[in-house]
Amino acid sequence: MLEECLFCRIASGEIPGDMVYQDEEMVAFRDINPVAPTHILIVPRTHIASLEGLSDADEGLMGRMVLRARALAAAEGVSESGYRLVVNCGPDGGQVVHHLHMHLVGGRRLGNRLG
């Protein structure tokens, strides 16, 4: 854990979050600035700064994060209508918090524009 990392602090419980899921390797909590009715962040407990910080050993983690997102989408009732998964990487990619995280966004029609 990086002591100054917001998501490390949320994952450890030091800072409260509106948790919807947690296990030994990841947490999922509601975004404090949602862009849609369902906006959940899926965050590994291990500090990885971005997609660029992943190694081959993290392949399973990313797969489990995607599968958890699918399960959360079902629990939120957005599986049938559809949802979006987003992972921003670096400043030009829109990454604000430098801890790998996946956005699960749904609950309304999302536009087709990516930028």
N, C-alpha and C. Protein backbone atom coordinates (compact mmCIF):
# COMPACT_ATOMS: atom_id res chain seq x y z
N MET A 1 0.84 -1.19 0.00
CA MET A 1 0.00 0.00 0.00
C MET A 1 0.88 1.24 0.00
N LEU A 2 0.54 2.18 -0.84
CA LEU A 2 1.20 3.48 -0.81
C LEU A 2 0.38 4.39 0.10
N GLU A 3 1.01 4.91 1.10
CA GLU A 3 0.28 5.68 2.13
C GLU A 3 -0.42 6.90 1.57
N GLU A 4 0.09 7.48 0.48
CA GLU A 4 -0.54 8.68 -0.07
C GLU A 4 -1.58 8.35 -1.15
N CYS A 5 -1.73 7.09 -1.51
CA CYS A 5 -2.65 6.68 -2.58
C CYS A 5 -4.09 6.59 -2.06
N LEU A 6 -4.98 7.37 -2.65
CA LEU A 6 -6.37 7.40 -2.24
C LEU A 6 -7.00 6.01 -2.30
N PHE A 7 -6.81 5.29 -3.41
CA PHE A 7 -7.46 3.99 -3.55
C PHE A 7 -6.85 2.94 -2.63
N CYS A 8 -5.56 3.03 -2.33
CA CYS A 8 -4.96 2.13 -1.32
C CYS A 8 -5.61 2.38 0.03
N ARG A 9 -5.84 3.63 0.35
CA ARG A 9 -6.44 3.99 1.64
C ARG A 9 -7.90 3.53 1.73
N ILE A 10 -8.63 3.62 0.63
CA ILE A 10 -10.01 3.12 0.62
C ILE A 10 -10.01 1.60 0.72
N ALA A 11 -9.15 0.94 -0.04
CA ALA A 11 -9.09 -0.53 -0.03
C ALA A 11 -8.72 -1.08 1.35
N SER A 12 -7.90 -0.35 2.08
CA SER A 12 -7.49 -0.80 3.42
C SER A 12 -8.53 -0.47 4.49
N GLY A 13 -9.51 0.37 4.15
CA GLY A 13 -10.53 0.77 5.12
C GLY A 13 -10.17 2.03 5.89
N GLU A 14 -9.00 2.60 5.61
CA GLU A 14 -8.59 3.83 6.29
C GLU A 14 -9.53 4.98 5.95
N ILE A 15 -9.97 5.03 4.69
CA ILE A 15 -10.94 6.02 4.25
C ILE A 15 -12.21 5.24 3.87
N PRO A 16 -13.38 5.67 4.36
CA PRO A 16 -14.59 4.92 4.04
C PRO A 16 -14.97 5.05 2.56
N GLY A 17 -15.55 4.00 2.05
CA GLY A 17 -16.08 4.00 0.70
C GLY A 17 -17.41 3.26 0.72
N ASP A 18 -18.26 3.53 -0.26
CA ASP A 18 -19.53 2.84 -0.36
C ASP A 18 -19.29 1.49 -1.05
N MET A 19 -18.79 0.53 -0.27
CA MET A 19 -18.37 -0.77 -0.79
C MET A 19 -19.55 -1.59 -1.27
N VAL A 20 -19.38 -2.20 -2.45
CA VAL A 20 -20.37 -3.14 -2.95
C VAL A 20 -19.79 -4.54 -3.06
N TYR A 21 -18.47 -4.65 -2.95
CA TYR A 21 -17.82 -5.96 -2.99
C TYR A 21 -16.41 -5.82 -2.44
N GLN A 22 -15.94 -6.87 -1.77
CA GLN A 22 -14.54 -6.93 -1.39
C GLN A 22 -14.13 -8.37 -1.14
N ASP A 23 -12.90 -8.68 -1.54
CA ASP A 23 -12.28 -9.95 -1.23
C ASP A 23 -10.80 -9.69 -0.97
N GLU A 24 -10.00 -10.73 -0.94
CA GLU A 24 -8.59 -10.56 -0.58
C GLU A 24 -7.76 -9.84 -1.63
N GLU A 25 -8.24 -9.78 -2.89
CA GLU A 25 -7.42 -9.14 -3.91
C GLU A 25 -8.02 -7.89 -4.54
N MET A 26 -9.30 -7.62 -4.30
CA MET A 26 -9.90 -6.42 -4.91
C MET A 26 -11.06 -5.91 -4.06
N VAL A 27 -11.39 -4.66 -4.31
CA VAL A 27 -12.57 -4.04 -3.71
C VAL A 27 -13.35 -3.36 -4.84
N ALA A 28 -14.64 -3.17 -4.61
CA ALA A 28 -15.47 -2.42 -5.55
C ALA A 28 -16.34 -1.48 -4.73
N PHE A 29 -16.38 -0.23 -5.15
CA PHE A 29 -17.14 0.78 -4.42
C PHE A 29 -17.73 1.78 -5.40
N ARG A 30 -18.77 2.46 -4.96
CA ARG A 30 -19.45 3.44 -5.81
C ARG A 30 -18.59 4.70 -5.97
N ASP A 31 -18.55 5.20 -7.19
CA ASP A 31 -17.80 6.42 -7.49
C ASP A 31 -18.49 7.60 -6.81
N ILE A 32 -17.71 8.51 -6.22
CA ILE A 32 -18.31 9.66 -5.53
C ILE A 32 -18.79 10.73 -6.51
N ASN A 33 -18.37 10.63 -7.77
CA ASN A 33 -18.85 11.55 -8.82
C ASN A 33 -19.38 10.72 -9.99
N PRO A 34 -20.51 10.06 -9.80
CA PRO A 34 -20.99 9.14 -10.83
C PRO A 34 -21.41 9.85 -12.11
N VAL A 35 -21.15 9.19 -13.25
CA VAL A 35 -21.57 9.71 -14.55
C VAL A 35 -22.84 9.02 -15.04
N ALA A 36 -23.32 8.04 -14.27
CA ALA A 36 -24.53 7.29 -14.62
C ALA A 36 -25.10 6.73 -13.32
N PRO A 37 -26.34 6.24 -13.36
CA PRO A 37 -26.93 5.68 -12.14
C PRO A 37 -26.10 4.57 -11.50
N THR A 38 -25.49 3.73 -12.31
CA THR A 38 -24.52 2.75 -11.80
C THR A 38 -23.14 3.20 -12.22
N HIS A 39 -22.29 3.48 -11.26
CA HIS A 39 -20.89 3.83 -11.52
C HIS A 39 -20.07 3.29 -10.37
N ILE A 40 -19.45 2.15 -10.62
CA ILE A 40 -18.69 1.42 -9.61
C ILE A 40 -17.24 1.34 -10.05
N LEU A 41 -16.34 1.52 -9.11
CA LEU A 41 -14.90 1.36 -9.37
C LEU A 41 -14.45 0.01 -8.82
N ILE A 42 -13.74 -0.75 -9.63
CA ILE A 42 -13.19 -2.04 -9.23
C ILE A 42 -11.68 -1.84 -9.15
N VAL A 43 -11.13 -2.08 -7.96
CA VAL A 43 -9.76 -1.67 -7.64
C VAL A 43 -8.99 -2.84 -7.01
N PRO A 44 -7.82 -3.19 -7.55
CA PRO A 44 -7.02 -4.21 -6.86
C PRO A 44 -6.48 -3.66 -5.54
N ARG A 45 -6.38 -4.52 -4.55
CA ARG A 45 -5.80 -4.08 -3.27
C ARG A 45 -4.31 -3.78 -3.40
N THR A 46 -3.63 -4.51 -4.25
CA THR A 46 -2.21 -4.27 -4.50
C THR A 46 -2.06 -2.99 -5.31
N HIS A 47 -1.13 -2.14 -4.90
CA HIS A 47 -0.93 -0.90 -5.64
C HIS A 47 -0.23 -1.19 -6.95
N ILE A 48 -0.95 -0.94 -8.03
CA ILE A 48 -0.40 -0.98 -9.39
C ILE A 48 -0.80 0.37 -9.98
N ALA A 49 0.16 1.16 -10.41
CA ALA A 49 -0.13 2.54 -10.80
C ALA A 49 -1.06 2.66 -11.99
N SER A 50 -0.92 1.79 -12.99
CA SER A 50 -1.76 1.87 -14.19
C SER A 50 -1.63 0.57 -14.97
N LEU A 51 -2.28 0.50 -16.11
CA LEU A 51 -2.12 -0.67 -16.98
C LEU A 51 -0.65 -0.88 -17.33
N GLU A 52 0.08 0.20 -17.44
CA GLU A 52 1.51 0.10 -17.78
C GLU A 52 2.33 -0.57 -16.69
N GLY A 53 1.79 -0.65 -15.48
CA GLY A 53 2.49 -1.29 -14.37
C GLY A 53 2.20 -2.77 -14.24
N LEU A 54 1.32 -3.29 -15.10
CA LEU A 54 0.98 -4.71 -15.04
C LEU A 54 2.12 -5.58 -15.55
N SER A 55 2.22 -6.78 -14.99
CA SER A 55 3.17 -7.77 -15.49
C SER A 55 2.38 -8.99 -15.96
N ASP A 56 3.06 -9.94 -16.57
CA ASP A 56 2.40 -11.17 -17.01
C ASP A 56 1.72 -11.87 -15.84
N ALA A 57 2.26 -11.71 -14.66
CA ALA A 57 1.70 -12.35 -13.47
C ALA A 57 0.33 -11.78 -13.10
N ASP A 58 -0.02 -10.61 -13.63
CA ASP A 58 -1.29 -9.96 -13.31
C ASP A 58 -2.42 -10.34 -14.27
N GLU A 59 -2.14 -11.21 -15.22
CA GLU A 59 -3.15 -11.60 -16.20
C GLU A 59 -4.40 -12.15 -15.52
N GLY A 60 -4.23 -13.00 -14.53
CA GLY A 60 -5.37 -13.56 -13.80
C GLY A 60 -6.14 -12.50 -13.05
N LEU A 61 -5.45 -11.55 -12.44
CA LEU A 61 -6.11 -10.47 -11.71
C LEU A 61 -7.03 -9.68 -12.63
N MET A 62 -6.55 -9.31 -13.80
CA MET A 62 -7.37 -8.52 -14.72
C MET A 62 -8.58 -9.33 -15.18
N GLY A 63 -8.39 -10.60 -15.42
CA GLY A 63 -9.51 -11.46 -15.79
C GLY A 63 -10.55 -11.53 -14.68
N ARG A 64 -10.09 -11.66 -13.45
CA ARG A 64 -11.02 -11.71 -12.31
C ARG A 64 -11.71 -10.37 -12.10
N MET A 65 -11.04 -9.27 -12.38
CA MET A 65 -11.68 -7.96 -12.28
C MET A 65 -12.81 -7.83 -13.30
N VAL A 66 -12.59 -8.31 -14.51
CA VAL A 66 -13.62 -8.25 -15.54
C VAL A 66 -14.80 -9.15 -15.15
N LEU A 67 -14.52 -10.34 -14.66
CA LEU A 67 -15.59 -11.24 -14.23
C LEU A 67 -16.36 -10.66 -13.04
N ARG A 68 -15.67 -9.99 -12.14
CA ARG A 68 -16.35 -9.35 -11.01
C ARG A 68 -17.23 -8.22 -11.53
N ALA A 69 -16.74 -7.46 -12.51
CA ALA A 69 -17.56 -6.40 -13.10
C ALA A 69 -18.84 -6.98 -13.70
N ARG A 70 -18.72 -8.10 -14.37
CA ARG A 70 -19.91 -8.74 -14.96
C ARG A 70 -20.90 -9.13 -13.86
N ALA A 71 -20.41 -9.70 -12.76
CA ALA A 71 -21.29 -10.08 -11.65
C ALA A 71 -21.93 -8.85 -11.00
N LEU A 72 -21.17 -7.79 -10.86
CA LEU A 72 -21.71 -6.56 -10.29
C LEU A 72 -22.77 -5.94 -11.20
N ALA A 73 -22.53 -6.00 -12.51
CA ALA A 73 -23.52 -5.49 -13.46
C ALA A 73 -24.83 -6.25 -13.31
N ALA A 74 -24.74 -7.56 -13.13
CA ALA A 74 -25.96 -8.35 -12.92
C ALA A 74 -26.64 -7.95 -11.61
N ALA A 75 -25.86 -7.79 -10.55
CA ALA A 75 -26.41 -7.42 -9.25
C ALA A 75 -27.06 -6.03 -9.29
N GLU A 76 -26.53 -5.15 -10.12
CA GLU A 76 -27.06 -3.79 -10.25
C GLU A 76 -28.24 -3.72 -11.21
N GLY A 77 -28.53 -4.82 -11.90
CA GLY A 77 -29.65 -4.86 -12.84
C GLY A 77 -29.38 -4.19 -14.17
N VAL A 78 -28.11 -4.10 -14.58
CA VAL A 78 -27.80 -3.45 -15.85
C VAL A 78 -27.29 -4.43 -16.91
N SER A 79 -27.24 -5.71 -16.60
CA SER A 79 -26.73 -6.69 -17.56
C SER A 79 -27.56 -6.74 -18.84
N GLU A 80 -28.86 -6.75 -18.69
CA GLU A 80 -29.75 -6.87 -19.86
C GLU A 80 -29.68 -5.64 -20.76
N SER A 81 -29.72 -4.46 -20.16
CA SER A 81 -29.74 -3.23 -20.95
C SER A 81 -28.35 -2.85 -21.46
N GLY A 82 -27.32 -3.26 -20.75
CA GLY A 82 -25.95 -2.99 -21.18
C GLY A 82 -25.20 -2.06 -20.24
N TYR A 83 -23.90 -2.13 -20.33
CA TYR A 83 -23.03 -1.34 -19.47
C TYR A 83 -21.68 -1.18 -20.17
N ARG A 84 -20.83 -0.36 -19.60
CA ARG A 84 -19.51 -0.10 -20.16
C ARG A 84 -18.47 -0.34 -19.08
N LEU A 85 -17.35 -0.94 -19.49
CA LEU A 85 -16.16 -1.06 -18.64
C LEU A 85 -15.09 -0.17 -19.22
N VAL A 86 -14.46 0.64 -18.36
CA VAL A 86 -13.44 1.58 -18.82
C VAL A 86 -12.23 1.48 -17.90
N VAL A 87 -11.05 1.40 -18.52
CA VAL A 87 -9.79 1.51 -17.77
C VAL A 87 -8.99 2.62 -18.44
N ASN A 88 -8.83 3.73 -17.74
CA ASN A 88 -8.04 4.85 -18.24
C ASN A 88 -6.57 4.61 -17.89
N CYS A 89 -5.68 5.02 -18.79
CA CYS A 89 -4.25 4.81 -18.57
C CYS A 89 -3.47 6.08 -18.89
N GLY A 90 -2.86 6.65 -17.85
CA GLY A 90 -2.02 7.83 -18.03
C GLY A 90 -2.83 9.10 -18.19
N PRO A 91 -2.13 10.24 -18.13
CA PRO A 91 -2.81 11.55 -18.17
C PRO A 91 -3.59 11.78 -19.46
N ASP A 92 -3.04 11.42 -20.61
CA ASP A 92 -3.76 11.63 -21.86
C ASP A 92 -4.93 10.66 -22.01
N GLY A 93 -4.89 9.55 -21.28
CA GLY A 93 -5.98 8.59 -21.30
C GLY A 93 -7.06 8.91 -20.29
N GLY A 94 -6.89 9.98 -19.53
CA GLY A 94 -7.90 10.41 -18.57
C GLY A 94 -7.76 9.82 -17.18
N GLN A 95 -6.63 9.17 -16.90
CA GLN A 95 -6.44 8.60 -15.56
C GLN A 95 -6.14 9.71 -14.57
N VAL A 96 -6.95 9.80 -13.51
CA VAL A 96 -6.80 10.84 -12.50
C VAL A 96 -6.14 10.28 -11.25
N VAL A 97 -6.60 9.13 -10.78
CA VAL A 97 -6.00 8.48 -9.61
C VAL A 97 -5.01 7.44 -10.13
N HIS A 98 -3.77 7.54 -9.69
CA HIS A 98 -2.71 6.67 -10.20
C HIS A 98 -2.65 5.36 -9.41
N HIS A 99 -3.75 4.64 -9.51
CA HIS A 99 -3.89 3.28 -8.99
C HIS A 99 -4.83 2.61 -9.98
N LEU A 100 -4.39 1.51 -10.57
CA LEU A 100 -5.20 0.80 -11.55
C LEU A 100 -6.63 0.62 -11.05
N HIS A 101 -7.60 0.94 -11.89
CA HIS A 101 -9.00 0.74 -11.54
C HIS A 101 -9.84 0.65 -12.80
N MET A 102 -10.96 -0.03 -12.66
CA MET A 102 -11.89 -0.23 -13.76
C MET A 102 -13.22 0.42 -13.38
N HIS A 103 -13.78 1.18 -14.29
CA HIS A 103 -15.09 1.79 -14.10
C HIS A 103 -16.16 0.87 -14.70
N LEU A 104 -17.18 0.58 -13.94
CA LEU A 104 -18.38 -0.10 -14.43
C LEU A 104 -19.47 0.96 -14.46
N VAL A 105 -19.96 1.28 -15.67
CA VAL A 105 -20.91 2.37 -15.85
C VAL A 105 -22.14 1.85 -16.58
N GLY A 106 -23.32 2.13 -16.04
CA GLY A 106 -24.55 1.70 -16.70
C GLY A 106 -25.76 2.32 -16.05
N GLY A 107 -26.92 1.85 -16.46
CA GLY A 107 -28.17 2.35 -15.90
C GLY A 107 -28.82 3.45 -16.71
N ARG A 108 -28.19 3.80 -17.84
CA ARG A 108 -28.77 4.76 -18.78
C ARG A 108 -28.10 4.52 -20.13
N ARG A 109 -28.71 5.06 -21.19
CA ARG A 109 -28.10 4.91 -22.51
C ARG A 109 -26.81 5.73 -22.55
N LEU A 110 -25.73 5.07 -22.90
CA LEU A 110 -24.43 5.73 -23.00
C LEU A 110 -24.16 6.08 -24.47
N GLY A 111 -23.55 7.21 -24.68
CA GLY A 111 -23.24 7.64 -26.05
C GLY A 111 -22.18 6.76 -26.68
N ASN A 112 -22.04 6.88 -27.99
CA ASN A 112 -21.04 6.11 -28.73
C ASN A 112 -19.70 6.82 -28.83
N ARG A 113 -19.64 8.07 -28.42
CA ARG A 113 -18.39 8.83 -28.49
C ARG A 113 -17.46 8.40 -27.37
N LEU A 114 -16.22 8.30 -27.68
CA LEU A 114 -15.22 7.94 -26.67
C LEU A 114 -14.42 9.14 -26.23
N GLY A 115 -14.52 10.24 -26.85
CA GLY A 115 -13.72 11.39 -26.44
C GLY A 115 -14.36 12.68 -26.80
